[in-house]
């Protein structure tokens, strides 16, 4: 008789004969543990996604605020162009002279790094505004 043998344990070569309900219960318990592990993974993923969602929302709100500020700045610039056009038109400056002044002013602002170098888009827009305001003031 082996020292490791005990009357309370089945012999090592014996196959346990459990009822089908016990085996099914064990399978269900293992599935339950797997589901709990998956739930933990999904919860962690959801928390990460929520965190990313919060960060994205913050970035979108910041971008919206920047767009609103840019829109206000654009409106203020257009109002300044309008006021200059009305004043220069009152002085008898032609539309050609007005466009030249607007273009020169925008190039000076760009060269002094007050406005970004956007390939002349802002300069073209300001000159278009100047022409529109010139003929709207007529």
Foldseek 3Di string as FASTA:
>chain_A
DDPPDDPVDDPPVDDDDDDPVVVVVVVVVVVVVVVVVVVVVVVVVVVVVVVVVVVVVVVVVVVVVVVVVVVVVVVVLLVVLLVVLVVVVVVVDDLVNSLVVLLVVVVVCCVVVVDDPPPCPVSVVSNVSSNVSNVVVD
